[in-house]
Amino acid sequence: VQCQWGLSNANLGVLMTIAMGTHAFSSFFFSHLGDRYGRKRVILVAAILVFVVSILSGFCYNLWQLLLCRGLQGIATGIGDGPASAYAAEICTLRCRAFGLAVQGVGWGIGTAFATTTAFFTVPRFGWQGLFIALPVLF
């Protein structure tokens, strides 16, 4: 995307950071929605939003569109993060709770490894846009 759109390193940095920044913000301010509306419901809505916005990211034609999509994706993941942790703690027995939360916690690392591996096969053939479309469909 940097070469295709002629982005500066600063623009690329903002693009790479916006999802995590909005994730942190929304996780802090909106995680209580799981307590109010039910954890499973909030997790499901957040997952659907991530799915839709991820696919929309593949159809962006400029930096501002992609920043918006990545920001919305970060908000959605942040909304689901707190309820997912609480739900993992609730469904695991006391004996396996630490392991269950560890599995939930390493999801970001596993997801990043999966995305990187998928990019290796997808980007050369379909471009960066194909990655944003392939990952939600595969996941």
N, C-alpha and C. Protein backbone atom coordinates (compact mmCIF):
# COMPACT_ATOMS: atom_id res chain seq x y z
N VAL A 1 0.83 -1.19 0.00
CA VAL A 1 0.00 0.00 0.00
C VAL A 1 0.87 1.26 0.00
N GLN A 2 2.02 1.20 0.65
CA GLN A 2 2.90 2.37 0.69
C GLN A 2 3.37 2.72 -0.72
N CYS A 3 3.80 1.74 -1.47
CA CYS A 3 4.28 1.99 -2.84
C CYS A 3 3.13 2.38 -3.76
N GLN A 4 2.03 1.67 -3.66
CA GLN A 4 0.90 1.91 -4.55
C GLN A 4 0.33 3.31 -4.39
N TRP A 5 0.23 3.79 -3.16
CA TRP A 5 -0.34 5.10 -2.92
C TRP A 5 0.72 6.17 -2.71
N GLY A 6 1.99 5.82 -2.71
CA GLY A 6 3.06 6.78 -2.49
C GLY A 6 3.03 7.38 -1.09
N LEU A 7 2.78 6.57 -0.09
CA LEU A 7 2.68 7.05 1.28
C LEU A 7 4.06 7.30 1.88
N SER A 8 4.14 8.33 2.69
CA SER A 8 5.37 8.59 3.43
C SER A 8 5.47 7.57 4.57
N ASN A 9 6.64 7.48 5.16
CA ASN A 9 6.82 6.60 6.31
C ASN A 9 5.92 7.03 7.48
N ALA A 10 5.74 8.34 7.63
CA ALA A 10 4.87 8.84 8.70
C ALA A 10 3.42 8.41 8.47
N ASN A 11 2.95 8.53 7.22
CA ASN A 11 1.59 8.09 6.92
C ASN A 11 1.42 6.60 7.15
N LEU A 12 2.41 5.83 6.76
CA LEU A 12 2.37 4.38 6.97
C LEU A 12 2.35 4.06 8.46
N GLY A 13 3.12 4.80 9.23
CA GLY A 13 3.13 4.61 10.68
C GLY A 13 1.77 4.84 11.30
N VAL A 14 1.10 5.92 10.88
CA VAL A 14 -0.24 6.20 11.39
C VAL A 14 -1.20 5.09 10.98
N LEU A 15 -1.09 4.65 9.75
CA LEU A 15 -1.95 3.58 9.25
C LEU A 15 -1.74 2.29 10.04
N MET A 16 -0.51 2.00 10.38
CA MET A 16 -0.21 0.77 11.11
C MET A 16 -0.62 0.87 12.58
N THR A 17 -0.74 2.08 13.10
CA THR A 17 -1.01 2.27 14.52
C THR A 17 -2.47 2.52 14.85
N ILE A 18 -3.24 2.98 13.91
CA ILE A 18 -4.60 3.44 14.23
C ILE A 18 -5.50 2.34 14.78
N ALA A 19 -5.38 1.13 14.27
CA ALA A 19 -6.25 0.06 14.77
C ALA A 19 -5.96 -0.25 16.23
N MET A 20 -4.69 -0.26 16.61
CA MET A 20 -4.36 -0.55 18.01
C MET A 20 -4.75 0.62 18.93
N GLY A 21 -4.58 1.84 18.45
CA GLY A 21 -4.97 2.99 19.25
C GLY A 21 -6.46 3.06 19.50
N THR A 22 -7.24 2.84 18.45
CA THR A 22 -8.70 2.86 18.62
C THR A 22 -9.16 1.65 19.41
N HIS A 23 -8.43 0.54 19.30
CA HIS A 23 -8.75 -0.65 20.10
C HIS A 23 -8.60 -0.33 21.59
N ALA A 24 -7.46 0.27 21.95
CA ALA A 24 -7.22 0.60 23.35
C ALA A 24 -8.28 1.57 23.87
N PHE A 25 -8.58 2.59 23.08
CA PHE A 25 -9.59 3.58 23.47
C PHE A 25 -10.95 2.92 23.69
N SER A 26 -11.40 2.16 22.71
CA SER A 26 -12.74 1.58 22.80
C SER A 26 -12.81 0.48 23.85
N SER A 27 -11.72 -0.24 24.05
CA SER A 27 -11.71 -1.26 25.09
C SER A 27 -11.91 -0.64 26.46
N PHE A 28 -11.25 0.47 26.68
CA PHE A 28 -11.36 1.17 27.96
C PHE A 28 -12.76 1.74 28.17
N PHE A 29 -13.33 2.34 27.14
CA PHE A 29 -14.59 3.04 27.31
C PHE A 29 -15.85 2.22 27.02
N PHE A 30 -15.73 1.13 26.27
CA PHE A 30 -16.94 0.41 25.87
C PHE A 30 -17.01 -1.04 26.32
N SER A 31 -16.03 -1.53 27.04
CA SER A 31 -16.07 -2.93 27.48
C SER A 31 -17.25 -3.21 28.41
N HIS A 32 -17.74 -2.20 29.07
CA HIS A 32 -18.88 -2.38 29.97
C HIS A 32 -20.16 -2.81 29.23
N LEU A 33 -20.16 -2.66 27.92
CA LEU A 33 -21.36 -3.06 27.16
C LEU A 33 -21.66 -4.54 27.33
N GLY A 34 -20.62 -5.35 27.52
CA GLY A 34 -20.82 -6.78 27.77
C GLY A 34 -21.57 -7.03 29.06
N ASP A 35 -21.34 -6.20 30.07
CA ASP A 35 -22.06 -6.33 31.34
C ASP A 35 -23.51 -5.90 31.19
N ARG A 36 -23.71 -4.92 30.35
CA ARG A 36 -25.06 -4.35 30.20
C ARG A 36 -25.95 -5.16 29.26
N TYR A 37 -25.39 -5.60 28.13
CA TYR A 37 -26.21 -6.26 27.11
C TYR A 37 -25.93 -7.75 26.95
N GLY A 38 -24.99 -8.27 27.69
CA GLY A 38 -24.63 -9.68 27.60
C GLY A 38 -23.34 -9.86 26.82
N ARG A 39 -22.47 -10.66 27.39
CA ARG A 39 -21.14 -10.84 26.79
C ARG A 39 -21.20 -11.46 25.40
N LYS A 40 -21.96 -12.54 25.27
CA LYS A 40 -22.01 -13.23 23.97
C LYS A 40 -22.58 -12.32 22.89
N ARG A 41 -23.59 -11.56 23.21
CA ARG A 41 -24.19 -10.65 22.23
C ARG A 41 -23.19 -9.59 21.77
N VAL A 42 -22.48 -8.99 22.71
CA VAL A 42 -21.51 -7.95 22.37
C VAL A 42 -20.34 -8.54 21.58
N ILE A 43 -19.88 -9.72 21.97
CA ILE A 43 -18.80 -10.38 21.23
C ILE A 43 -19.24 -10.66 19.80
N LEU A 44 -20.46 -11.14 19.61
CA LEU A 44 -20.97 -11.44 18.28
C LEU A 44 -21.09 -10.17 17.42
N VAL A 45 -21.64 -9.11 17.99
CA VAL A 45 -21.76 -7.85 17.24
C VAL A 45 -20.38 -7.31 16.88
N ALA A 46 -19.45 -7.37 17.82
CA ALA A 46 -18.09 -6.89 17.54
C ALA A 46 -17.45 -7.73 16.44
N ALA A 47 -17.63 -9.04 16.48
CA ALA A 47 -17.05 -9.91 15.45
C ALA A 47 -17.64 -9.62 14.07
N ILE A 48 -18.93 -9.38 14.02
CA ILE A 48 -19.57 -9.04 12.74
C ILE A 48 -19.03 -7.72 12.21
N LEU A 49 -18.88 -6.73 13.10
CA LEU A 49 -18.33 -5.44 12.68
C LEU A 49 -16.90 -5.59 12.16
N VAL A 50 -16.09 -6.38 12.85
CA VAL A 50 -14.71 -6.61 12.39
C VAL A 50 -14.73 -7.26 11.01
N PHE A 51 -15.57 -8.24 10.82
CA PHE A 51 -15.69 -8.94 9.54
C PHE A 51 -16.05 -7.97 8.41
N VAL A 52 -17.08 -7.16 8.63
CA VAL A 52 -17.55 -6.23 7.59
C VAL A 52 -16.50 -5.17 7.29
N VAL A 53 -15.95 -4.55 8.34
CA VAL A 53 -14.99 -3.46 8.12
C VAL A 53 -13.70 -4.00 7.52
N SER A 54 -13.32 -5.22 7.86
CA SER A 54 -12.11 -5.80 7.26
C SER A 54 -12.30 -5.98 5.76
N ILE A 55 -13.43 -6.49 5.36
CA ILE A 55 -13.70 -6.65 3.92
C ILE A 55 -13.76 -5.29 3.24
N LEU A 56 -14.42 -4.32 3.87
CA LEU A 56 -14.47 -2.97 3.30
C LEU A 56 -13.08 -2.38 3.12
N SER A 57 -12.15 -2.72 4.00
CA SER A 57 -10.78 -2.22 3.88
C SER A 57 -10.15 -2.62 2.55
N GLY A 58 -10.52 -3.77 2.04
CA GLY A 58 -9.99 -4.23 0.77
C GLY A 58 -10.48 -3.44 -0.42
N PHE A 59 -11.49 -2.61 -0.22
CA PHE A 59 -12.05 -1.80 -1.31
C PHE A 59 -11.72 -0.32 -1.17
N CYS A 60 -10.80 0.02 -0.27
CA CYS A 60 -10.41 1.41 -0.08
C CYS A 60 -9.50 1.87 -1.22
N TYR A 61 -9.65 3.14 -1.59
CA TYR A 61 -8.88 3.69 -2.69
C TYR A 61 -7.96 4.83 -2.29
N ASN A 62 -7.97 5.19 -0.99
CA ASN A 62 -7.04 6.22 -0.54
C ASN A 62 -6.76 6.04 0.96
N LEU A 63 -5.79 6.78 1.43
CA LEU A 63 -5.35 6.66 2.81
C LEU A 63 -6.48 6.95 3.80
N TRP A 64 -7.27 7.97 3.54
CA TRP A 64 -8.32 8.36 4.49
C TRP A 64 -9.39 7.28 4.62
N GLN A 65 -9.74 6.65 3.53
CA GLN A 65 -10.71 5.56 3.59
C GLN A 65 -10.16 4.39 4.41
N LEU A 66 -8.90 4.05 4.16
CA LEU A 66 -8.30 2.93 4.88
C LEU A 66 -8.09 3.27 6.35
N LEU A 67 -7.73 4.51 6.66
CA LEU A 67 -7.63 4.93 8.06
C LEU A 67 -8.97 4.80 8.77
N LEU A 68 -10.03 5.20 8.10
CA LEU A 68 -11.37 5.08 8.68
C LEU A 68 -11.72 3.62 8.95
N CYS A 69 -11.49 2.77 7.96
CA CYS A 69 -11.81 1.35 8.13
C CYS A 69 -10.98 0.71 9.23
N ARG A 70 -9.68 1.00 9.25
CA ARG A 70 -8.81 0.43 10.27
C ARG A 70 -9.17 0.97 11.66
N GLY A 71 -9.55 2.25 11.73
CA GLY A 71 -10.00 2.81 13.00
C GLY A 71 -11.28 2.14 13.50
N LEU A 72 -12.22 1.94 12.59
CA LEU A 72 -13.47 1.25 12.97
C LEU A 72 -13.21 -0.19 13.37
N GLN A 73 -12.26 -0.81 12.69
CA GLN A 73 -11.90 -2.18 13.04
C GLN A 73 -11.31 -2.22 14.46
N GLY A 74 -10.47 -1.26 14.78
CA GLY A 74 -9.91 -1.19 16.13
C GLY A 74 -10.99 -0.96 17.18
N ILE A 75 -11.94 -0.10 16.88
CA ILE A 75 -13.05 0.14 17.82
C ILE A 75 -13.82 -1.15 18.05
N ALA A 76 -14.12 -1.87 16.98
CA ALA A 76 -14.88 -3.11 17.10
C ALA A 76 -14.12 -4.16 17.91
N THR A 77 -12.82 -4.33 17.66
CA THR A 77 -12.06 -5.31 18.42
C THR A 77 -11.97 -4.90 19.89
N GLY A 78 -11.86 -3.61 20.14
CA GLY A 78 -11.81 -3.13 21.52
C GLY A 78 -13.11 -3.36 22.26
N ILE A 79 -14.22 -3.17 21.59
CA ILE A 79 -15.53 -3.40 22.21
C ILE A 79 -15.67 -4.86 22.61
N GLY A 80 -15.17 -5.77 21.79
CA GLY A 80 -15.30 -7.19 22.09
C GLY A 80 -14.25 -7.75 23.02
N ASP A 81 -13.16 -7.03 23.22
CA ASP A 81 -12.03 -7.56 23.99
C ASP A 81 -12.37 -7.80 25.46
N GLY A 82 -12.92 -6.83 26.13
CA GLY A 82 -13.26 -6.99 27.55
C GLY A 82 -14.28 -8.10 27.78
N PRO A 83 -15.40 -8.08 27.05
CA PRO A 83 -16.37 -9.16 27.23
C PRO A 83 -15.79 -10.55 26.90
N ALA A 84 -14.87 -10.63 25.93
CA ALA A 84 -14.27 -11.92 25.60
C ALA A 84 -13.42 -12.44 26.76
N SER A 85 -12.67 -11.55 27.39
CA SER A 85 -11.87 -11.96 28.54
C SER A 85 -12.75 -12.40 29.70
N ALA A 86 -13.79 -11.62 29.97
CA ALA A 86 -14.71 -11.98 31.06
C ALA A 86 -15.42 -13.29 30.77
N TYR A 87 -15.83 -13.48 29.53
CA TYR A 87 -16.52 -14.71 29.15
C TYR A 87 -15.59 -15.92 29.27
N ALA A 88 -14.34 -15.76 28.85
CA ALA A 88 -13.38 -16.85 28.98
C ALA A 88 -13.20 -17.23 30.46
N ALA A 89 -13.15 -16.23 31.32
CA ALA A 89 -13.01 -16.50 32.75
C ALA A 89 -14.25 -17.19 33.31
N GLU A 90 -15.41 -16.85 32.79
CA GLU A 90 -16.66 -17.43 33.29
C GLU A 90 -16.84 -18.89 32.87
N ILE A 91 -16.47 -19.21 31.64
CA ILE A 91 -16.75 -20.57 31.16
C ILE A 91 -15.68 -21.58 31.54
N CYS A 92 -14.53 -21.12 31.96
CA CYS A 92 -13.47 -22.04 32.38
C CYS A 92 -13.65 -22.39 33.85
N THR A 93 -13.45 -23.66 34.15
CA THR A 93 -13.49 -24.05 35.55
C THR A 93 -12.28 -23.44 36.26
N LEU A 94 -12.35 -23.43 37.56
CA LEU A 94 -11.25 -22.86 38.34
C LEU A 94 -9.93 -23.56 38.03
N ARG A 95 -10.01 -24.84 37.76
CA ARG A 95 -8.81 -25.63 37.48
C ARG A 95 -8.13 -25.22 36.17
N CYS A 96 -8.91 -24.82 35.17
CA CYS A 96 -8.31 -24.49 33.87
C CYS A 96 -8.44 -23.01 33.51
N ARG A 97 -8.83 -22.18 34.46
CA ARG A 97 -9.07 -20.76 34.17
C ARG A 97 -7.83 -20.04 33.66
N ALA A 98 -6.69 -20.25 34.29
CA ALA A 98 -5.47 -19.57 33.85
C ALA A 98 -5.12 -19.98 32.42
N PHE A 99 -5.25 -21.27 32.12
CA PHE A 99 -4.96 -21.73 30.77
C PHE A 99 -5.95 -21.14 29.77
N GLY A 100 -7.22 -21.11 30.12
CA GLY A 100 -8.25 -20.55 29.23
C GLY A 100 -8.01 -19.08 28.94
N LEU A 101 -7.64 -18.32 29.95
CA LEU A 101 -7.35 -16.90 29.73
C LEU A 101 -6.06 -16.70 28.95
N ALA A 102 -5.10 -17.61 29.14
CA ALA A 102 -3.86 -17.53 28.36
C ALA A 102 -4.16 -17.78 26.88
N VAL A 103 -4.99 -18.76 26.59
CA VAL A 103 -5.37 -19.05 25.20
C VAL A 103 -6.08 -17.83 24.60
N GLN A 104 -6.98 -17.24 25.34
CA GLN A 104 -7.68 -16.04 24.86
C GLN A 104 -6.71 -14.90 24.68
N GLY A 105 -5.75 -14.78 25.56
CA GLY A 105 -4.80 -13.68 25.51
C GLY A 105 -3.80 -13.76 24.37
N VAL A 106 -3.43 -14.97 23.96
CA VAL A 106 -2.46 -15.11 22.88
C VAL A 106 -3.12 -15.06 21.51
N GLY A 107 -4.40 -14.81 21.49
CA GLY A 107 -5.11 -14.72 20.21
C GLY A 107 -4.52 -13.69 19.27
N TRP A 108 -4.06 -12.56 19.81
CA TRP A 108 -3.46 -11.53 18.95
C TRP A 108 -2.21 -12.05 18.27
N GLY A 109 -1.38 -12.75 19.02
CA GLY A 109 -0.15 -13.30 18.44
C GLY A 109 -0.45 -14.37 17.40
N ILE A 110 -1.38 -15.23 17.70
CA ILE A 110 -1.77 -16.27 16.74
C ILE A 110 -2.38 -15.64 15.50
N GLY A 111 -3.23 -14.65 15.71
CA GLY A 111 -3.85 -13.95 14.57
C GLY A 111 -2.83 -13.25 13.70
N THR A 112 -1.83 -12.64 14.32
CA THR A 112 -0.78 -11.96 13.56
C THR A 112 0.03 -12.97 12.75
N ALA A 113 0.36 -14.10 13.36
CA ALA A 113 1.10 -15.14 12.64
C ALA A 113 0.26 -15.68 11.47
N PHE A 114 -1.02 -15.88 11.70
CA PHE A 114 -1.90 -16.38 10.64
C PHE A 114 -2.01 -15.35 9.52
N ALA A 115 -2.15 -14.07 9.88
CA ALA A 115 -2.26 -13.01 8.87
C ALA A 115 -0.98 -12.91 8.05
N THR A 116 0.17 -13.01 8.71
CA THR A 116 1.45 -12.93 8.00
C THR A 116 1.61 -14.09 7.03
N THR A 117 1.25 -15.26 7.48
CA THR A 117 1.33 -16.44 6.60
C THR A 117 0.36 -16.31 5.43
N THR A 118 -0.84 -15.85 5.70
CA THR A 118 -1.83 -15.65 4.64
C THR A 118 -1.34 -14.58 3.66
N ALA A 119 -0.71 -13.53 4.16
CA ALA A 119 -0.19 -12.46 3.30
C ALA A 119 0.86 -13.00 2.35
N PHE A 120 1.69 -13.92 2.82
CA PHE A 120 2.73 -14.49 1.98
C PHE A 120 2.15 -15.11 0.71
N PHE A 121 0.99 -15.72 0.84
CA PHE A 121 0.35 -16.37 -0.31
C PHE A 121 -0.61 -15.47 -1.07
N THR A 122 -1.23 -14.53 -0.36
CA THR A 122 -2.30 -13.72 -0.95
C THR A 122 -1.79 -12.48 -1.66
N VAL A 123 -0.90 -11.73 -1.03
CA VAL A 123 -0.48 -10.42 -1.55
C VAL A 123 0.19 -10.51 -2.93
N PRO A 124 1.11 -11.45 -3.17
CA PRO A 124 1.71 -11.48 -4.51
C PRO A 124 0.70 -11.73 -5.64
N ARG A 125 -0.34 -12.46 -5.33
CA ARG A 125 -1.32 -12.80 -6.37
C ARG A 125 -2.47 -11.79 -6.46
N PHE A 126 -2.95 -11.30 -5.31
CA PHE A 126 -4.15 -10.46 -5.30
C PHE A 126 -3.91 -9.05 -4.76
N GLY A 127 -2.69 -8.72 -4.36
CA GLY A 127 -2.40 -7.40 -3.80
C GLY A 127 -2.82 -7.31 -2.35
N TRP A 128 -2.51 -6.17 -1.74
CA TRP A 128 -2.84 -5.99 -0.32
C TRP A 128 -4.34 -6.03 -0.09
N GLN A 129 -5.13 -5.62 -1.08
CA GLN A 129 -6.58 -5.64 -0.93
C GLN A 129 -7.09 -7.07 -0.73
N GLY A 130 -6.50 -8.00 -1.43
CA GLY A 130 -6.90 -9.39 -1.30
C GLY A 130 -6.74 -9.94 0.10
N LEU A 131 -5.73 -9.45 0.81
CA LEU A 131 -5.51 -9.89 2.18
C LEU A 131 -6.67 -9.48 3.08
N PHE A 132 -7.13 -8.24 2.93
CA PHE A 132 -8.25 -7.77 3.76
C PHE A 132 -9.55 -8.51 3.45
N ILE A 133 -9.66 -9.04 2.26
CA ILE A 133 -10.85 -9.80 1.89
C ILE A 133 -10.69 -11.26 2.28
N ALA A 134 -9.50 -11.82 2.10
CA ALA A 134 -9.27 -13.24 2.39
C ALA A 134 -9.30 -13.55 3.89
N LEU A 135 -8.68 -12.72 4.70
CA LEU A 135 -8.59 -13.02 6.13
C LEU A 135 -9.95 -13.17 6.82
N PRO A 136 -10.89 -12.24 6.63
CA PRO A 136 -12.17 -12.43 7.29
C PRO A 136 -12.93 -13.65 6.78
N VAL A 137 -12.77 -13.94 5.50
CA VAL A 137 -13.46 -15.10 4.94
C VAL A 137 -12.86 -16.39 5.48
N LEU A 138 -11.53 -16.45 5.59
CA LEU A 138 -10.87 -17.65 6.12
C LEU A 138 -11.09 -17.82 7.62
N PHE A 139 -11.16 -16.70 8.32
CA PHE A 139 -11.28 -16.74 9.77
C PHE A 139 -12.71 -17.06 10.13
